[in-house]
PDB file of N, CA and C in Angstrom:
ATOM      1  N   GLN A   1     -16.778  -8.610  -7.543  1.00  0.00           N
ATOM      2  CA  GLN A   1     -15.836  -8.445  -6.450  1.00  0.00           C
ATOM      3  C   GLN A   1     -15.092  -7.137  -6.566  1.00  0.00           C
ATOM      4  N   VAL A   2     -14.214  -6.900  -5.601  1.00  0.00           N
ATOM      5  CA  VAL A   2     -13.399  -5.702  -5.583  1.00  0.00           C
ATOM      6  C   VAL A   2     -12.134  -5.945  -6.386  1.00  0.00           C
ATOM      7  N   GLN A   3     -11.780  -4.980  -7.214  1.00  0.00           N
ATOM      8  CA  GLN A   3     -10.546  -5.029  -7.970  1.00  0.00           C
ATOM      9  C   GLN A   3      -9.641  -3.880  -7.534  1.00  0.00           C
ATOM     10  N   LEU A   4      -8.345  -4.170  -7.395  1.00  0.00           N
ATOM     11  CA  LEU A   4      -7.371  -3.174  -6.987  1.00  0.00           C
ATOM     12  C   LEU A   4      -6.295  -3.059  -8.057  1.00  0.00           C
ATOM     13  N   VAL A   5      -5.958  -1.837  -8.417  1.00  0.00           N
ATOM     14  CA  VAL A   5      -4.933  -1.592  -9.416  1.00  0.00           C
ATOM     15  C   VAL A   5      -3.911  -0.622  -8.849  1.00  0.00           C
ATOM     16  N   GLU A   6      -2.653  -1.070  -8.773  1.00  0.00           N
ATOM     17  CA  GLU A   6      -1.569  -0.241  -8.268  1.00  0.00           C
ATOM     18  C   GLU A   6      -0.828   0.437  -9.412  1.00  0.00           C
ATOM     19  N   SER A   7      -0.172   1.533  -9.073  1.00  0.00           N
ATOM     20  CA  SER A   7       0.684   2.224 -10.020  1.00  0.00           C
ATOM     21  C   SER A   7       1.725   3.017  -9.240  1.00  0.00           C
ATOM     22  N   GLY A   8       2.764   3.436  -9.926  1.00  0.00           N
ATOM     23  CA  GLY A   8       3.767   4.290  -9.321  1.00  0.00           C
ATOM     24  C   GLY A   8       5.089   3.628  -9.003  1.00  0.00           C
ATOM     25  N   GLY A   9       5.159   2.316  -9.142  1.00  0.00           N
ATOM     26  CA  GLY A   9       6.408   1.638  -8.886  1.00  0.00           C
ATOM     27  C   GLY A   9       7.427   1.933  -9.967  1.00  0.00           C
ATOM     28  N   GLY A  10       8.667   1.602  -9.685  1.00  0.00           N
ATOM     29  CA  GLY A  10       9.723   1.837 -10.649  1.00  0.00           C
ATOM     30  C   GLY A  10      11.082   1.755 -10.001  1.00  0.00           C
ATOM     31  N   SER A  11      12.073   2.273 -10.697  1.00  0.00           N
ATOM     32  CA  SER A  11      13.449   2.278 -10.215  1.00  0.00           C
ATOM     33  C   SER A  11      13.834   3.661  -9.729  1.00  0.00           C
ATOM     34  N   VAL A  12      14.536   3.698  -8.627  1.00  0.00           N
ATOM     35  CA  VAL A  12      14.948   4.965  -8.043  1.00  0.00           C
ATOM     36  C   VAL A  12      16.281   4.780  -7.335  1.00  0.00           C
ATOM     37  N   GLN A  13      17.060   5.832  -7.289  1.00  0.00           N
ATOM     38  CA  GLN A  13      18.331   5.784  -6.586  1.00  0.00           C
ATOM     39  C   GLN A  13      18.106   5.961  -5.089  1.00  0.00           C
ATOM     40  N   ALA A  14      18.956   5.357  -4.297  1.00  0.00           N
ATOM     41  CA  ALA A  14      18.850   5.491  -2.849  1.00  0.00           C
ATOM     42  C   ALA A  14      18.783   6.959  -2.452  1.00  0.00           C
ATOM     43  N   GLY A  15      17.881   7.254  -1.544  1.00  0.00           N
ATOM     44  CA  GLY A  15      17.656   8.620  -1.124  1.00  0.00           C
ATOM     45  C   GLY A  15      16.542   9.308  -1.879  1.00  0.00           C
ATOM     46  N   GLY A  16      16.080   8.690  -2.951  1.00  0.00           N
ATOM     47  CA  GLY A  16      15.024   9.261  -3.754  1.00  0.00           C
ATOM     48  C   GLY A  16      13.646   8.944  -3.208  1.00  0.00           C
ATOM     49  N   SER A  17      12.630   9.342  -3.973  1.00  0.00           N
ATOM     50  CA  SER A  17      11.245   9.188  -3.549  1.00  0.00           C
ATOM     51  C   SER A  17      10.398   8.579  -4.649  1.00  0.00           C
ATOM     52  N   LEU A  18       9.338   7.914  -4.240  1.00  0.00           N
ATOM     53  CA  LEU A  18       8.325   7.387  -5.135  1.00  0.00           C
ATOM     54  C   LEU A  18       6.974   7.525  -4.469  1.00  0.00           C
ATOM     55  N   ARG A  19       5.943   7.617  -5.291  1.00  0.00           N
ATOM     56  CA  ARG A  19       4.583   7.660  -4.781  1.00  0.00           C
ATOM     57  C   ARG A  19       3.788   6.537  -5.428  1.00  0.00           C
ATOM     58  N   LEU A  20       3.291   5.635  -4.607  1.00  0.00           N
ATOM     59  CA  LEU A  20       2.460   4.546  -5.066  1.00  0.00           C
ATOM     60  C   LEU A  20       0.990   4.926  -4.919  1.00  0.00           C
ATOM     61  N   SER A  21       0.194   4.511  -5.893  1.00  0.00           N
ATOM     62  CA  SER A  21      -1.234   4.782  -5.850  1.00  0.00           C
ATOM     63  C   SER A  21      -1.996   3.499  -6.113  1.00  0.00           C
ATOM     64  N   CYS A  22      -3.195   3.433  -5.577  1.00  0.00           N
ATOM     65  CA  CYS A  22      -4.050   2.271  -5.761  1.00  0.00           C
ATOM     66  C   CYS A  22      -5.493   2.741  -5.822  1.00  0.00           C
ATOM     67  N   VAL A  23      -6.216   2.224  -6.781  1.00  0.00           N
ATOM     68  CA  VAL A  23      -7.633   2.538  -6.902  1.00  0.00           C
ATOM     69  C   VAL A  23      -8.433   1.246  -6.819  1.00  0.00           C
ATOM     70  N   ALA A  24      -9.478   1.271  -6.029  1.00  0.00           N
ATOM     71  CA  ALA A  24     -10.358   0.120  -5.873  1.00  0.00           C
ATOM     72  C   ALA A  24     -11.646   0.355  -6.646  1.00  0.00           C
ATOM     73  N   SER A  25     -12.125  -0.696  -7.271  1.00  0.00           N
ATOM     74  CA  SER A  25     -13.376  -0.607  -8.002  1.00  0.00           C
ATOM     75  C   SER A  25     -14.186  -1.873  -7.768  1.00  0.00           C
ATOM     76  N   GLY A  26     -15.453  -1.819  -8.147  1.00  0.00           N
ATOM     77  CA  GLY A  26     -16.332  -2.952  -7.975  1.00  0.00           C
ATOM     78  C   GLY A  26     -17.360  -2.703  -6.892  1.00  0.00           C
ATOM     79  N   ASP A  27     -17.861  -3.781  -6.335  1.00  0.00           N
ATOM     80  CA  ASP A  27     -18.875  -3.708  -5.292  1.00  0.00           C
ATOM     81  C   ASP A  27     -18.198  -3.494  -3.941  1.00  0.00           C
ATOM     82  N   ILE A  28     -18.250  -2.259  -3.449  1.00  0.00           N
ATOM     83  CA  ILE A  28     -17.587  -1.906  -2.191  1.00  0.00           C
ATOM     84  C   ILE A  28     -18.610  -1.269  -1.255  1.00  0.00           C
ATOM     85  N   PRO A  29     -19.351  -2.076  -0.531  1.00  0.00           N
ATOM     86  CA  PRO A  29     -20.348  -1.518   0.389  1.00  0.00           C
ATOM     87  C   PRO A  29     -19.735  -0.652   1.491  1.00  0.00           C
ATOM     88  N   ARG A  30     -18.592  -1.070   2.003  1.00  0.00           N
ATOM     89  CA  ARG A  30     -17.954  -0.358   3.107  1.00  0.00           C
ATOM     90  C   ARG A  30     -16.482  -0.729   3.179  1.00  0.00           C
ATOM     91  N   ILE A  31     -15.631   0.281   3.225  1.00  0.00           N
ATOM     92  CA  ILE A  31     -14.197   0.073   3.381  1.00  0.00           C
ATOM     93  C   ILE A  31     -13.822   0.258   4.838  1.00  0.00           C
ATOM     94  N   LEU A  32     -13.167  -0.744   5.395  1.00  0.00           N
ATOM     95  CA  LEU A  32     -12.726  -0.691   6.776  1.00  0.00           C
ATOM     96  C   LEU A  32     -11.283  -0.212   6.891  1.00  0.00           C
ATOM     97  N   GLN A  33     -10.420  -0.732   6.035  1.00  0.00           N
ATOM     98  CA  GLN A  33      -9.013  -0.368   6.038  1.00  0.00           C
ATOM     99  C   GLN A  33      -8.471  -0.370   4.622  1.00  0.00           C
ATOM    100  N   MET A  34      -7.446   0.421   4.381  1.00  0.00           N
ATOM    101  CA  MET A  34      -6.690   0.389   3.147  1.00  0.00           C
ATOM    102  C   MET A  34      -5.218   0.451   3.524  1.00  0.00           C
ATOM    103  N   GLY A  35      -4.377  -0.104   2.671  1.00  0.00           N
ATOM    104  CA  GLY A  35      -2.973  -0.051   3.009  1.00  0.00           C
ATOM    105  C   GLY A  35      -2.072  -0.693   1.992  1.00  0.00           C
ATOM    106  N   TRP A  36      -0.844  -0.907   2.417  1.00  0.00           N
ATOM    107  CA  TRP A  36       0.193  -1.458   1.568  1.00  0.00           C
ATOM    108  C   TRP A  36       0.985  -2.507   2.303  1.00  0.00           C
ATOM    109  N   TYR A  37       1.240  -3.598   1.629  1.00  0.00           N
ATOM    110  CA  TYR A  37       2.152  -4.631   2.079  1.00  0.00           C
ATOM    111  C   TYR A  37       3.268  -4.736   1.056  1.00  0.00           C
ATOM    112  N   ARG A  38       4.354  -5.361   1.445  1.00  0.00           N
ATOM    113  CA  ARG A  38       5.431  -5.563   0.482  1.00  0.00           C
ATOM    114  C   ARG A  38       6.066  -6.929   0.669  1.00  0.00           C
ATOM    115  N   GLN A  39       6.620  -7.429  -0.432  1.00  0.00           N
ATOM    116  CA  GLN A  39       7.337  -8.693  -0.443  1.00  0.00           C
ATOM    117  C   GLN A  39       8.788  -8.395  -0.806  1.00  0.00           C
ATOM    118  N   ILE A  40       9.652  -8.452   0.186  1.00  0.00           N
ATOM    119  CA  ILE A  40      11.079  -8.257  -0.035  1.00  0.00           C
ATOM    120  C   ILE A  40      11.693  -9.620  -0.327  1.00  0.00           C
ATOM    121  N   PRO A  41      12.550  -9.698  -1.353  1.00  0.00           N
ATOM    122  CA  PRO A  41      13.156 -10.985  -1.702  1.00  0.00           C
ATOM    123  C   PRO A  41      13.759 -11.685  -0.491  1.00  0.00           C
ATOM    124  N   GLY A  42      13.391 -12.939  -0.315  1.00  0.00           N
ATOM    125  CA  GLY A  42      13.910 -13.724   0.779  1.00  0.00           C
ATOM    126  C   GLY A  42      13.174 -13.549   2.089  1.00  0.00           C
ATOM    127  N   LYS A  43      12.156 -12.679   2.105  1.00  0.00           N
ATOM    128  CA  LYS A  43      11.414 -12.447   3.327  1.00  0.00           C
ATOM    129  C   LYS A  43       9.916 -12.651   3.110  1.00  0.00           C
ATOM    130  N   GLN A  44       9.211 -12.833   4.205  1.00  0.00           N
ATOM    131  CA  GLN A  44       7.767 -12.994   4.161  1.00  0.00           C
ATOM    132  C   GLN A  44       7.100 -11.648   3.889  1.00  0.00           C
ATOM    133  N   ARG A  45       5.950 -11.689   3.237  1.00  0.00           N
ATOM    134  CA  ARG A  45       5.213 -10.469   3.002  1.00  0.00           C
ATOM    135  C   ARG A  45       4.927  -9.767   4.329  1.00  0.00           C
ATOM    136  N   GLU A  46       5.147  -8.465   4.364  1.00  0.00           N
ATOM    137  CA  GLU A  46       4.990  -7.710   5.589  1.00  0.00           C
ATOM    138  C   GLU A  46       4.115  -6.484   5.372  1.00  0.00           C
ATOM    139  N   MET A  47       3.449  -6.080   6.425  1.00  0.00           N
ATOM    140  CA  MET A  47       2.669  -4.864   6.386  1.00  0.00           C
ATOM    141  C   MET A  47       3.606  -3.668   6.366  1.00  0.00           C
ATOM    142  N   VAL A  48       3.318  -2.714   5.502  1.00  0.00           N
ATOM    143  CA  VAL A  48       4.098  -1.492   5.421  1.00  0.00           C
ATOM    144  C   VAL A  48       3.360  -0.343   6.096  1.00  0.00           C
ATOM    145  N   ALA A  49       2.130  -0.120   5.676  1.00  0.00           N
ATOM    146  CA  ALA A  49       1.336   0.972   6.222  1.00  0.00           C
ATOM    147  C   ALA A  49      -0.139   0.662   6.049  1.00  0.00           C
ATOM    148  N   LEU A  50      -0.930   1.038   7.034  1.00  0.00           N
ATOM    149  CA  LEU A  50      -2.371   0.866   6.995  1.00  0.00           C
ATOM    150  C   LEU A  50      -3.048   2.156   7.415  1.00  0.00           C
ATOM    151  N   ILE A  51      -4.230   2.368   6.904  1.00  0.00           N
ATOM    152  CA  ILE A  51      -5.032   3.515   7.315  1.00  0.00           C
ATOM    153  C   ILE A  51      -6.486   3.082   7.404  1.00  0.00           C
ATOM    154  N   THR A  52      -7.131   3.431   8.503  1.00  0.00           N
ATOM    155  CA  THR A  52      -8.523   3.068   8.711  1.00  0.00           C
ATOM    156  C   THR A  52      -9.432   4.094   8.062  1.00  0.00           C
ATOM    157  N   SER A  53     -10.713   3.756   8.026  1.00  0.00           N
ATOM    158  CA  SER A  53     -11.688   4.692   7.467  1.00  0.00           C
ATOM    159  C   SER A  53     -11.739   5.985   8.264  1.00  0.00           C
ATOM    160  N   GLY A  54     -11.353   5.927   9.528  1.00  0.00           N
ATOM    161  CA  GLY A  54     -11.326   7.106  10.365  1.00  0.00           C
ATOM    162  C   GLY A  54     -10.038   7.904  10.272  1.00  0.00           C
ATOM    163  N   GLY A  55      -9.070   7.395   9.523  1.00  0.00           N
ATOM    164  CA  GLY A  55      -7.835   8.121   9.314  1.00  0.00           C
ATOM    165  C   GLY A  55      -6.680   7.728  10.216  1.00  0.00           C
ATOM    166  N   ARG A  56      -6.870   6.732  11.054  1.00  0.00           N
ATOM    167  CA  ARG A  56      -5.777   6.281  11.904  1.00  0.00           C
ATOM    168  C   ARG A  56      -4.773   5.495  11.077  1.00  0.00           C
ATOM    169  N   THR A  57      -3.490   5.799  11.256  1.00  0.00           N
ATOM    170  CA  THR A  57      -2.445   5.171  10.463  1.00  0.00           C
ATOM    171  C   THR A  57      -1.547   4.289  11.316  1.00  0.00           C
ATOM    172  N   SER A  58      -0.981   3.286  10.666  1.00  0.00           N
ATOM    173  CA  SER A  58      -0.015   2.398  11.281  1.00  0.00           C
ATOM    174  C   SER A  58       1.119   2.164  10.295  1.00  0.00           C
ATOM    175  N   TYR A  59       2.339   2.100  10.802  1.00  0.00           N
ATOM    176  CA  TYR A  59       3.504   1.875   9.962  1.00  0.00           C
ATOM    177  C   TYR A  59       4.403   0.834  10.589  1.00  0.00           C
ATOM    178  N   THR A  60       5.051   0.064   9.741  1.00  0.00           N
ATOM    179  CA  THR A  60       6.074  -0.817  10.251  1.00  0.00           C
ATOM    180  C   THR A  60       7.270   0.041  10.652  1.00  0.00           C
ATOM    181  N   ASP A  61       8.012  -0.411  11.645  1.00  0.00           N
ATOM    182  CA  ASP A  61       9.069   0.411  12.223  1.00  0.00           C
ATOM    183  C   ASP A  61      10.101   0.884  11.199  1.00  0.00           C
ATOM    184  N   SER A  62      10.413   0.052  10.235  1.00  0.00           N
ATOM    185  CA  SER A  62      11.474   0.379   9.302  1.00  0.00           C
ATOM    186  C   SER A  62      11.139   1.524   8.357  1.00  0.00           C
ATOM    187  N   VAL A  63       9.861   1.873   8.228  1.00  0.00           N
ATOM    188  CA  VAL A  63       9.471   2.936   7.303  1.00  0.00           C
ATOM    189  C   VAL A  63       8.900   4.154   8.011  1.00  0.00           C
ATOM    190  N   ARG A  64       8.643   4.041   9.275  1.00  0.00           N
ATOM    191  CA  ARG A  64       8.053   5.144  10.015  1.00  0.00           C
ATOM    192  C   ARG A  64       8.951   6.378   9.939  1.00  0.00           C
ATOM    193  N   GLY A  65       8.357   7.503   9.587  1.00  0.00           N
ATOM    194  CA  GLY A  65       9.110   8.730   9.426  1.00  0.00           C
ATOM    195  C   GLY A  65       9.566   8.982   8.008  1.00  0.00           C
ATOM    196  N   ARG A  66       9.540   7.945   7.166  1.00  0.00           N
ATOM    197  CA  ARG A  66       9.947   8.088   5.776  1.00  0.00           C
ATOM    198  C   ARG A  66       8.777   7.930   4.808  1.00  0.00           C
ATOM    199  N   PHE A  67       7.817   7.090   5.169  1.00  0.00           N
ATOM    200  CA  PHE A  67       6.656   6.838   4.323  1.00  0.00           C
ATOM    201  C   PHE A  67       5.430   7.511   4.924  1.00  0.00           C
ATOM    202  N   ALA A  68       4.505   7.896   4.072  1.00  0.00           N
ATOM    203  CA  ALA A  68       3.251   8.490   4.516  1.00  0.00           C
ATOM    204  C   ALA A  68       2.107   7.925   3.694  1.00  0.00           C
ATOM    205  N   ILE A  69       1.104   7.409   4.374  1.00  0.00           N
ATOM    206  CA  ILE A  69      -0.048   6.838   3.703  1.00  0.00           C
ATOM    207  C   ILE A  69      -1.217   7.812   3.770  1.00  0.00           C
ATOM    208  N   SER A  70      -2.001   7.831   2.718  1.00  0.00           N
ATOM    209  CA  SER A  70      -3.182   8.668   2.673  1.00  0.00           C
ATOM    210  C   SER A  70      -4.259   7.958   1.868  1.00  0.00           C
ATOM    211  N   ARG A  71      -5.488   8.386   2.039  1.00  0.00           N
ATOM    212  CA  ARG A  71      -6.572   7.749   1.304  1.00  0.00           C
ATOM    213  C   ARG A  71      -7.703   8.729   1.047  1.00  0.00           C
ATOM    214  N   ASP A  72      -8.513   8.401   0.083  1.00  0.00           N
ATOM    215  CA  ASP A  72      -9.722   9.134  -0.240  1.00  0.00           C
ATOM    216  C   ASP A  72     -10.835   8.104  -0.267  1.00  0.00           C
ATOM    217  N   ILE A  73     -11.600   8.038   0.810  1.00  0.00           N
ATOM    218  CA  ILE A  73     -12.646   7.027   0.918  1.00  0.00           C
ATOM    219  C   ILE A  73     -13.685   7.185  -0.183  1.00  0.00           C
ATOM    220  N   ALA A  74     -14.057   8.415  -0.472  1.00  0.00           N
ATOM    221  CA  ALA A  74     -15.072   8.666  -1.488  1.00  0.00           C
ATOM    222  C   ALA A  74     -14.651   8.143  -2.852  1.00  0.00           C
ATOM    223  N   LYS A  75     -13.358   8.229  -3.156  1.00  0.00           N
ATOM    224  CA  LYS A  75     -12.846   7.768  -4.439  1.00  0.00           C
ATOM    225  C   LYS A  75     -12.251   6.372  -4.375  1.00  0.00           C
ATOM    226  N   SER A  76     -12.266   5.780  -3.193  1.00  0.00           N
ATOM    227  CA  SER A  76     -11.732   4.431  -2.985  1.00  0.00           C
ATOM    228  C   SER A  76     -10.291   4.318  -3.459  1.00  0.00           C
ATOM    229  N   THR A  77      -9.482   5.284  -3.070  1.00  0.00           N
ATOM    230  CA  THR A  77      -8.076   5.273  -3.443  1.00  0.00           C
ATOM    231  C   THR A  77      -7.200   5.374  -2.207  1.00  0.00           C
ATOM    232  N   VAL A  78      -6.001   4.849  -2.324  1.00  0.00           N
ATOM    233  CA  VAL A  78      -5.011   4.939  -1.267  1.00  0.00           C
ATOM    234  C   VAL A  78      -3.658   5.169  -1.912  1.00  0.00           C
ATOM    235  N   ALA A  79      -2.830   5.966  -1.262  1.00  0.00           N
ATOM    236  CA  ALA A  79      -1.513   6.282  -1.797  1.00  0.00           C
ATOM    237  C   ALA A  79      -0.462   6.100  -0.721  1.00  0.00           C
ATOM    238  N   LEU A  80       0.749   5.864  -1.164  1.00  0.00           N
ATOM    239  CA  LEU A  80       1.881   5.734  -0.258  1.00  0.00           C
ATOM    240  C   LEU A  80       3.015   6.589  -0.788  1.00  0.00           C
ATOM    241  N   GLN A  81       3.302   7.663  -0.079  1.00  0.00           N
ATOM    242  CA  GLN A  81       4.424   8.525  -0.427  1.00  0.00           C
ATOM    243  C   GLN A  81       5.661   7.994   0.277  1.00  0.00           C
ATOM    244  N   MET A  82       6.661   7.607  -0.494  1.00  0.00           N
ATOM    245  CA  MET A  82       7.871   7.013   0.043  1.00  0.00           C
ATOM    246  C   MET A  82       9.041   7.952  -0.196  1.00  0.00           C
ATOM    247  N   ALA A  83       9.699   8.347   0.880  1.00  0.00           N
ATOM    248  CA  ALA A  83      10.829   9.251   0.801  1.00  0.00           C
ATOM    249  C   ALA A  83      12.067   8.601   1.394  1.00  0.00           C
ATOM    250  N   ASN A  84      13.220   9.132   1.001  1.00  0.00           N
ATOM    251  CA  ASN A  84      14.498   8.629   1.495  1.00  0.00           C
ATOM    252  C   ASN A  84      14.590   7.110   1.384  1.00  0.00           C
ATOM    253  N   LEU A  85      14.281   6.624   0.210  1.00  0.00           N
ATOM    254  CA  LEU A  85      14.288   5.184  -0.018  1.00  0.00           C
ATOM    255  C   LEU A  85      15.696   4.613   0.095  1.00  0.00           C
ATOM    256  N   ASN A  86      15.779   3.401   0.599  1.00  0.00           N
ATOM    257  CA  ASN A  86      17.045   2.704   0.674  1.00  0.00           C
ATOM    258  C   ASN A  86      16.915   1.336   0.006  1.00  0.00           C
ATOM    259  N   ILE A  87      18.040   0.683  -0.174  1.00  0.00           N
ATOM    260  CA  ILE A  87      18.056  -0.589  -0.888  1.00  0.00           C
ATOM    261  C   ILE A  87      17.159  -1.621  -0.214  1.00  0.00           C
ATOM    262  N   GLU A  88      17.070  -1.573   1.091  1.00  0.00           N
ATOM    263  CA  GLU A  88      16.251  -2.526   1.835  1.00  0.00           C
ATOM    264  C   GLU A  88      14.754  -2.369   1.577  1.00  0.00           C
ATOM    265  N   ASP A  89      14.362  -1.273   0.945  1.00  0.00           N
ATOM    266  CA  ASP A  89      12.961  -1.068   0.604  1.00  0.00           C
ATOM    267  C   ASP A  89      12.570  -1.751  -0.692  1.00  0.00           C
ATOM    268  N   SER A  90      13.516  -2.276  -1.414  1.00  0.00           N
ATOM    269  CA  SER A  90      13.240  -2.896  -2.702  1.00  0.00           C
ATOM    270  C   SER A  90      12.349  -4.116  -2.540  1.00  0.00           C
ATOM    271  N   GLY A  91      11.376  -4.236  -3.424  1.00  0.00           N
ATOM    272  CA  GLY A  91      10.484  -5.370  -3.393  1.00  0.00           C
ATOM    273  C   GLY A  91       9.204  -5.071  -4.146  1.00  0.00           C
ATOM    274  N   VAL A  92       8.279  -5.996  -4.065  1.00  0.00           N
ATOM    275  CA  VAL A  92       6.979  -5.827  -4.699  1.00  0.00           C
ATOM    276  C   VAL A  92       5.999  -5.316  -3.659  1.00  0.00           C
ATOM    277  N   TYR A  93       5.336  -4.235  -3.985  1.00  0.00           N
ATOM    278  CA  TYR A  93       4.383  -3.613  -3.072  1.00  0.00           C
ATOM    279  C   TYR A  93       2.967  -3.921  -3.525  1.00  0.00           C
ATOM    280  N   PHE A  94       2.139  -4.353  -2.581  1.00  0.00           N
ATOM    281  CA  PHE A  94       0.775  -4.768  -2.861  1.00  0.00           C
ATOM    282  C   PHE A  94      -0.227  -3.866  -2.163  1.00  0.00           C
ATOM    283  N   CYS A  95      -1.199  -3.416  -2.899  1.00  0.00           N
ATOM    284  CA  CYS A  95      -2.309  -2.678  -2.324  1.00  0.00           C
ATOM    285  C   CYS A  95      -3.235  -3.639  -1.580  1.00  0.00           C
ATOM    286  N   TYR A  96      -3.773  -3.174  -0.477  1.00  0.00           N
ATOM    287  CA  TYR A  96      -4.624  -3.999   0.385  1.00  0.00           C
ATOM    288  C   TYR A  96      -5.853  -3.206   0.798  1.00  0.00           C
ATOM    289  N   VAL A  97      -6.999  -3.833   0.696  1.00  0.00           N
ATOM    290  CA  VAL A  97      -8.245  -3.208   1.125  1.00  0.00           C
ATOM    291  C   VAL A  97      -9.069  -4.231   1.895  1.00  0.00           C
ATOM    292  N   LYS A  98      -9.555  -3.830   3.036  1.00  0.00           N
ATOM    293  CA  LYS A  98     -10.422  -4.666   3.853  1.00  0.00           C
ATOM    294  C   LYS A  98     -11.822  -4.060   3.825  1.00  0.00           C
ATOM    295  N   THR A  99     -12.804  -4.892   3.479  1.00  0.00           N
ATOM    296  CA  THR A  99     -14.171  -4.407   3.325  1.00  0.00           C
ATOM    297  C   THR A  99     -15.144  -5.237   4.135  1.00  0.00           C
ATOM    298  N   ASP A 100     -16.305  -4.647   4.376  1.00  0.00           N
ATOM    299  CA  ASP A 100     -17.407  -5.316   5.056  1.00  0.00           C
ATOM    300  C   ASP A 100     -18.516  -5.510   4.040  1.00  0.00           C
ATOM    301  N   HIS A 101     -18.777  -6.752   3.683  1.00  0.00           N
ATOM    302  CA  HIS A 101     -19.811  -7.070   2.710  1.00  0.00           C
ATOM    303  C   HIS A 101     -21.077  -7.611   3.359  1.00  0.00           C
ATOM    304  N   GLY A 102     -21.153  -7.522   4.672  1.00  0.00           N
ATOM    305  CA  GLY A 102     -22.327  -7.993   5.378  1.00  0.00           C
ATOM    306  C   GLY A 102     -22.291  -9.467   5.742  1.00  0.00           C
ATOM    307  N   VAL A 103     -21.290 -10.166   5.264  1.00  0.00           N
ATOM    308  CA  VAL A 103     -21.123 -11.585   5.570  1.00  0.00           C
ATOM    309  C   VAL A 103     -19.770 -11.829   6.211  1.00  0.00           C
ATOM    310  N   GLY A 104     -19.207 -10.794   6.787  1.00  0.00           N
ATOM    311  CA  GLY A 104     -17.891 -10.864   7.377  1.00  0.00           C
ATOM    312  C   GLY A 104     -16.907  -9.997   6.619  1.00  0.00           C
ATOM    313  N   ASP A 105     -15.804  -9.704   7.262  1.00  0.00           N
ATOM    314  CA  ASP A 105     -14.783  -8.878   6.637  1.00  0.00           C
ATOM    315  C   ASP A 105     -14.082  -9.643   5.521  1.00  0.00           C
ATOM    316  N   LEU A 106     -13.798  -8.946   4.437  1.00  0.00           N
ATOM    317  CA  LEU A 106     -13.102  -9.529   3.302  1.00  0.00           C
ATOM    318  C   LEU A 106     -11.839  -8.738   3.010  1.00  0.00           C
ATOM    319  N   GLU A 107     -10.813  -9.434   2.581  1.00  0.00           N
ATOM    320  CA  GLU A 107      -9.548  -8.810   2.224  1.00  0.00           C
ATOM    321  C   GLU A 107      -9.314  -8.926   0.727  1.00  0.00           C
ATOM    322  N   HIS A 108      -8.800  -7.855   0.147  1.00  0.00           N
ATOM    323  CA  HIS A 108      -8.557  -7.795  -1.286  1.00  0.00           C
ATOM    324  C   HIS A 108      -7.130  -7.338  -1.550  1.00  0.00           C
ATOM    325  N   TRP A 109      -6.548  -7.870  -2.606  1.00  0.00           N
ATOM    326  CA  TRP A 109      -5.153  -7.596  -2.927  1.00  0.00           C
ATOM    327  C   TRP A 109      -4.981  -7.199  -4.381  1.00  0.00           C
ATOM    328  N   GLY A 110      -4.069  -6.260  -4.605  1.00  0.00           N
ATOM    329  CA  GLY A 110      -3.704  -5.911  -5.957  1.00  0.00           C
ATOM    330  C   GLY A 110      -2.668  -6.875  -6.495  1.00  0.00           C
ATOM    331  N   GLN A 111      -2.284  -6.682  -7.738  1.00  0.00           N
ATOM    332  CA  GLN A 111      -1.319  -7.555  -8.383  1.00  0.00           C
ATOM    333  C   GLN A 111       0.117  -7.252  -7.974  1.00  0.00           C
ATOM    334  N   GLY A 112       0.358  -6.070  -7.445  1.00  0.00           N
ATOM    335  CA  GLY A 112       1.677  -5.686  -7.001  1.00  0.00           C
ATOM    336  C   GLY A 112       2.383  -4.777  -7.992  1.00  0.00           C
ATOM    337  N   THR A 113       3.216  -3.909  -7.470  1.00  0.00           N
ATOM    338  CA  THR A 113       4.038  -3.038  -8.291  1.00  0.00           C
ATOM    339  C   THR A 113       5.463  -3.075  -7.750  1.00  0.00           C
ATOM    340  N   LEU A 114       6.418  -3.191  -8.654  1.00  0.00           N
ATOM    341  CA  LEU A 114       7.808  -3.394  -8.267  1.00  0.00           C
ATOM    342  C   LEU A 114       8.503  -2.076  -7.954  1.00  0.00           C
ATOM    343  N   VAL A 115       9.195  -2.062  -6.826  1.00  0.00           N
ATOM    344  CA  VAL A 115      10.030  -0.935  -6.427  1.00  0.00           C
ATOM    345  C   VAL A 115      11.468  -1.419  -6.347  1.00  0.00           C
ATOM    346  N   SER A 116      12.339  -0.790  -7.118  1.00  0.00           N
ATOM    347  CA  SER A 116      13.752  -1.160  -7.141  1.00  0.00           C
ATOM    348  C   SER A 116      14.599   0.045  -6.759  1.00  0.00           C
ATOM    349  N   VAL A 117      15.333  -0.087  -5.673  1.00  0.00           N
ATOM    350  CA  VAL A 117      16.173   0.996  -5.178  1.00  0.00           C
ATOM    351  C   VAL A 117      17.634   0.591  -5.352  1.00  0.00           C
ATOM    352  N   SER A 118      18.408   1.453  -5.970  1.00  0.00           N
ATOM    353  CA  SER A 118      19.807   1.168  -6.229  1.00  0.00           C
ATOM    354  C   SER A 118      20.688   2.224  -5.571  1.00  0.00           C
ATOM    355  N   SER A 119      21.925   1.851  -5.309  1.00  0.00           N
ATOM    356  CA  SER A 119      22.871   2.771  -4.707  1.00  0.00           C
ATOM    357  C   SER A 119      23.592   3.574  -5.767  1.00  0.00           C
TER     358      SER A 119
END
């Protein structure tokens, strides 16, 4: 199967920046989408940013203009550059990859990396 490993999480002061990275490995015939979700304490897991194989990006309203997603299809990696972080961004961020294995689309998740923003 596909394995996802995130890195780059940590503690940062409000207004600071972090860069999250994720690398996918395993049997990956075709990547359809890559992205990031997050779990904020007390809230349901939400989509943060997605990028298609063609480079089209989507962002949740609360991060648009502050976060930037990028990917390298050849290397099966995706990154999330987060700027001007605020306390509301704190939570566990999960790498997400959607693939086509010929038997339908499959979704894969990383273990998560913690982002803690303090004032």
